[in-house]
C-alpha atoms as a PDB file:
ATOM      1  CA  MET A   1     -57.080  57.135 112.245  1.00  0.00           C
ATOM      2  CA  ILE A   2     -58.693  59.034 115.628  1.00  0.00           C
ATOM      3  CA  ARG A   3     -57.777  57.342 118.667  1.00  0.00           C
ATOM      4  CA  ALA A   4     -59.835  58.110 122.162  1.00  0.00           C
ATOM      5  CA  ARG A   5     -58.870  57.180 125.496  1.00  0.00           C
ATOM      6  CA  LEU A   6     -61.503  55.940 127.830  1.00  0.00           C
ATOM      7  CA  ASP A   7     -60.938  56.105 131.288  1.00  0.00           C
ATOM      8  CA  VAL A   8     -63.092  53.431 132.860  1.00  0.00           C
ATOM      9  CA  ARG A   9     -63.239  52.103 136.557  1.00  0.00           C
ATOM     10  CA  ALA A  10     -64.702  49.787 137.833  1.00  0.00           C
ATOM     11  CA  LYS A  11     -66.360  50.194 141.554  1.00  0.00           C
ATOM     12  CA  ARG A  12     -69.211  47.708 143.496  1.00  0.00           C
ATOM     13  CA  ALA A  13     -72.765  49.315 143.938  1.00  0.00           C
ATOM     14  CA  TYR A  14     -72.589  48.744 147.470  1.00  0.00           C
ATOM     15  CA  ASP A  15     -69.698  51.522 147.621  1.00  0.00           C
ATOM     16  CA  PRO A  16     -70.690  55.245 147.821  1.00  0.00           C
ATOM     17  CA  ALA A  17     -71.111  57.321 145.279  1.00  0.00           C
ATOM     18  CA  GLU A  18     -68.768  59.926 144.727  1.00  0.00           C
ATOM     19  CA  ASP A  19     -68.106  63.660 142.970  1.00  0.00           C
ATOM     20  CA  GLY A  20     -65.458  62.531 140.424  1.00  0.00           C
ATOM     21  CA  ASP A  21     -66.767  59.141 139.671  1.00  0.00           C
ATOM     22  CA  GLY A  22     -67.727  60.524 136.209  1.00  0.00           C
ATOM     23  CA  TYR A  23     -70.800  58.735 134.375  1.00  0.00           C
ATOM     24  CA  ARG A  24     -72.244  55.870 136.223  1.00  0.00           C
ATOM     25  CA  VAL A  25     -73.638  52.615 134.900  1.00  0.00           C
ATOM     26  CA  LEU A  26     -74.381  49.545 136.544  1.00  0.00           C
ATOM     27  CA  ILE A  27     -73.585  46.751 134.384  1.00  0.00           C
ATOM     28  CA  ASP A  28     -75.527  43.836 135.829  1.00  0.00           C
ATOM     29  CA  HIS A  29     -78.665  41.896 135.090  1.00  0.00           C
ATOM     30  CA  VAL A  30     -80.348  42.300 138.765  1.00  0.00           C
ATOM     31  CA  TRP A  31     -80.337  45.754 141.072  1.00  0.00           C
ATOM     32  CA  PRO A  32     -77.998  45.397 144.036  1.00  0.00           C
ATOM     33  CA  ARG A  33     -79.909  44.395 147.081  1.00  0.00           C
ATOM     34  CA  GLY A  34     -80.580  47.000 149.822  1.00  0.00           C
ATOM     35  CA  VAL A  35     -79.219  49.833 147.487  1.00  0.00           C
ATOM     36  CA  SER A  36     -81.738  52.608 146.440  1.00  0.00           C
ATOM     37  CA  ARG A  37     -81.621  54.451 143.393  1.00  0.00           C
ATOM     38  CA  GLY A  38     -81.104  57.636 145.128  1.00  0.00           C
ATOM     39  CA  ARG A  39     -78.004  56.300 146.822  1.00  0.00           C
ATOM     40  CA  ALA A  40     -76.563  54.402 143.696  1.00  0.00           C
ATOM     41  CA  ARG A  41     -76.688  58.289 141.784  1.00  0.00           C
ATOM     42  CA  LEU A  42     -76.422  55.995 138.614  1.00  0.00           C
ATOM     43  CA  ASP A  43     -76.442  57.835 134.994  1.00  0.00           C
ATOM     44  CA  ASP A  44     -77.569  54.375 133.410  1.00  0.00           C
ATOM     45  CA  TRP A  45     -78.649  50.914 133.957  1.00  0.00           C
ATOM     46  CA  ALA A  46     -77.129  48.787 131.294  1.00  0.00           C
ATOM     47  CA  ARG A  47     -78.537  45.135 131.711  1.00  0.00           C
ATOM     48  CA  GLU A  48     -77.393  43.902 128.108  1.00  0.00           C
ATOM     49  CA  LEU A  49     -73.912  44.444 128.657  1.00  0.00           C
ATOM     50  CA  ALA A  50     -73.505  42.303 131.786  1.00  0.00           C
ATOM     51  CA  PRO A  51     -71.336  39.096 131.316  1.00  0.00           C
ATOM     52  CA  ALA A  52     -73.058  35.700 131.646  1.00  0.00           C
ATOM     53  CA  THR A  53     -73.576  34.168 134.757  1.00  0.00           C
ATOM     54  CA  ALA A  54     -70.848  31.769 134.529  1.00  0.00           C
ATOM     55  CA  MET A  55     -68.331  34.331 133.923  1.00  0.00           C
ATOM     56  CA  SER A  56     -69.250  36.665 136.385  1.00  0.00           C
ATOM     57  CA  SER A  57     -69.231  33.651 139.077  1.00  0.00           C
ATOM     58  CA  SER A  58     -65.860  33.063 137.992  1.00  0.00           C
ATOM     59  CA  ALA A  59     -64.418  36.283 138.170  1.00  0.00           C
ATOM     60  CA  ASN A  60     -65.718  35.921 141.749  1.00  0.00           C
ATOM     61  CA  GLY A  61     -63.212  33.299 142.828  1.00  0.00           C
ATOM     62  CA  ARG A  62     -62.929  30.831 140.710  1.00  0.00           C
ATOM     63  CA  GLY A  63     -60.120  31.321 138.622  1.00  0.00           C
ATOM     64  CA  THR A  64     -60.823  34.375 135.802  1.00  0.00           C
ATOM     65  CA  PRO A  65     -59.059  37.381 136.607  1.00  0.00           C
ATOM     66  CA  ILE A  66     -61.016  40.318 137.271  1.00  0.00           C
ATOM     67  CA  ALA A  67     -59.065  42.366 134.959  1.00  0.00           C
ATOM     68  CA  THR A  68     -60.418  40.044 132.157  1.00  0.00           C
ATOM     69  CA  LEU A  69     -64.349  40.717 133.201  1.00  0.00           C
ATOM     70  CA  LEU A  70     -63.395  44.314 133.465  1.00  0.00           C
ATOM     71  CA  ALA A  71     -61.875  44.315 129.877  1.00  0.00           C
ATOM     72  CA  HIS A  72     -65.127  42.540 128.276  1.00  0.00           C
ATOM     73  CA  ILE A  73     -67.306  44.569 130.146  1.00  0.00           C
ATOM     74  CA  ALA A  74     -65.241  48.068 128.681  1.00  0.00           C
ATOM     75  CA  TYR A  75     -65.590  46.420 125.404  1.00  0.00           C
ATOM     76  CA  GLY A  76     -69.170  46.178 125.286  1.00  0.00           C
ATOM     77  CA  ALA A  77     -69.502  49.630 126.842  1.00  0.00           C
ATOM     78  CA  ILE A  78     -67.687  50.867 123.825  1.00  0.00           C
ATOM     79  CA  VAL A  79     -69.420  48.821 121.221  1.00  0.00           C
ATOM     80  CA  GLY A  80     -72.991  50.082 123.011  1.00  0.00           C
ATOM     81  CA  GLY A  81     -72.250  53.454 122.651  1.00  0.00           C
ATOM     82  CA  PHE A  82     -71.276  54.751 126.285  1.00  0.00           C
ATOM     83  CA  ALA A  83     -67.949  55.945 125.192  1.00  0.00           C
ATOM     84  CA  SER A  84     -69.322  58.537 123.271  1.00  0.00           C
ATOM     85  CA  MET A  85     -71.094  59.825 126.896  1.00  0.00           C
ATOM     86  CA  ALA A  86     -68.078  59.760 129.067  1.00  0.00           C
ATOM     87  CA  GLY A  87     -67.244  63.100 127.651  1.00  0.00           C
END
């Protein structure tokens, strides 16, 4: 059995991109307001991996821990093939 370790980190689209960010993927249904594509410095935009509106609303203050949301996103990234791009 081959095991791979995947380092997944979450960052707000409004936070500045940094050199050590690695492969950057926006996982949301809509583009963040006021953020240019140049400023975002994204490698991909995976709309299809974005959580359902109800789930993301819940994670933003109504009960679901953000760690749960990130776990779902990471799982979707692995299933979607982003793990192979991470290096």
